[in-house]
Protein backbone atom coordinates (compact mmCIF):
# COMPACT_ATOMS: atom_id res chain seq x y z
CA UNK A 1 -91.31 72.41 18.56
CA UNK A 2 -93.33 69.27 19.16
CA UNK A 3 -96.49 68.62 17.18
CA UNK A 4 -99.72 67.98 19.04
CA UNK A 5 -101.39 64.66 18.47
CA UNK A 6 -105.06 64.68 17.42
CA UNK A 7 -105.98 63.35 20.88
CA UNK A 8 -104.11 66.17 22.62
CA UNK A 9 -105.78 68.75 20.37
CA UNK A 10 -109.21 67.28 21.14
CA UNK A 11 -108.58 67.38 24.89
CA UNK A 12 -107.36 70.97 24.70
CA UNK A 13 -110.41 72.05 22.69
CA UNK A 14 -112.78 70.30 25.11
CA UNK A 15 -111.11 71.97 28.08
CA UNK A 16 -111.21 75.35 26.37
CA UNK A 17 -114.92 75.11 25.57
CA UNK A 18 -115.72 74.00 29.13
CA UNK A 19 -113.72 76.89 30.53
CA UNK A 20 -115.44 79.31 28.17
CA UNK A 21 -118.89 78.07 29.07
CA UNK A 22 -118.25 78.23 32.81
CA UNK A 23 -118.10 82.03 32.69
CA UNK A 24 -121.88 81.94 32.18
CA UNK A 25 -122.60 79.54 35.06
CA UNK A 26 -124.75 80.97 37.84
CA UNK A 27 -125.41 79.51 41.29
CA UNK A 28 -127.52 76.39 40.76
CA UNK A 29 -127.00 76.38 36.99
CA UNK A 30 -124.44 74.78 34.67
CA UNK A 31 -123.94 76.02 31.11
CA UNK A 32 -122.52 74.46 27.96
CA UNK A 33 -121.92 76.15 24.62
CA UNK A 34 -122.78 74.27 21.46
CA UNK A 35 -122.89 75.84 17.99
CA UNK A 36 -122.84 79.33 19.51
CA UNK A 37 -125.87 78.64 21.67
CA UNK A 38 -125.86 78.57 25.45
CA UNK A 39 -127.38 75.45 26.95
CA UNK A 40 -128.54 75.81 30.56
CA UNK A 41 -129.11 73.00 33.06
CA UNK A 42 -129.73 72.71 36.78
CA UNK A 43 -126.65 71.54 38.66
CA UNK A 44 -126.69 67.76 39.04
CA UNK A 45 -129.82 67.31 36.89
CA UNK A 46 -130.57 64.21 34.86
CA UNK A 47 -130.97 66.50 31.83
CA UNK A 48 -127.35 67.64 32.20
CA UNK A 49 -126.15 64.04 32.44
CA UNK A 50 -128.21 63.11 29.37
CA UNK A 51 -126.85 66.09 27.41
CA UNK A 52 -123.26 65.10 28.18
CA UNK A 53 -123.93 61.50 27.11
CA UNK A 54 -126.12 61.94 24.04
CA UNK A 55 -126.11 65.60 22.96
CA UNK A 56 -129.24 67.64 22.37
CA UNK A 57 -132.31 66.46 24.27
CA UNK A 58 -135.42 65.51 22.29
CA UNK A 59 -137.46 68.18 24.04
CA UNK A 60 -135.94 71.66 24.20
CA UNK A 61 -136.91 75.26 24.79
CA UNK A 62 -135.16 78.31 23.30
CA UNK A 63 -135.06 82.02 23.90
CA UNK A 64 -133.41 83.65 20.90
CA UNK A 65 -130.85 86.38 21.48
CA UNK A 66 -131.69 87.05 25.14
CA UNK A 67 -128.66 85.43 26.72
CA UNK A 68 -125.27 86.82 27.61
CA UNK A 69 -123.51 88.43 24.66
CA UNK A 70 -126.77 88.16 22.68
CA UNK A 71 -126.63 84.36 22.57
CA UNK A 72 -129.64 82.13 22.13
CA UNK A 73 -130.30 80.27 25.37
CA UNK A 74 -131.61 76.70 25.26
CA UNK A 75 -132.72 74.26 27.93
CA UNK A 76 -134.37 70.87 28.27
CA UNK A 77 -137.21 72.42 30.28
CA UNK A 78 -138.95 75.78 30.23
CA UNK A 79 -138.72 76.49 33.98
CA UNK A 80 -134.93 76.11 34.00
CA UNK A 81 -134.68 78.42 30.99
CA UNK A 82 -136.86 81.12 32.58
CA UNK A 83 -135.16 80.84 35.99
CA UNK A 84 -131.70 81.17 34.43
CA UNK A 85 -132.74 84.20 32.38
CA UNK A 86 -134.04 85.85 35.58
CA UNK A 87 -130.63 85.40 37.23
CA UNK A 88 -128.78 87.17 34.41
CA UNK A 89 -131.24 90.10 34.36
CA UNK A 90 -130.52 91.03 37.99
């Protein structure tokens, strides 16, 4: 059996986390999971691009335990957070 290189393991783990997060995507929203918390962004938003480049935004809003599977939901702006939570309550 071949051993996986560290690069291959990293790529597999990144793909797996992206796949896992996508189950929480809703129309108009993109989700990412970081440290067990669900980050929510508008599709194509500058906040999503910034998150992918630099990590957590300086300004963030949280709703503890109200997300899917009891996760804390976080977003770079309050309106996106509230709108996403409305879509999962329907």
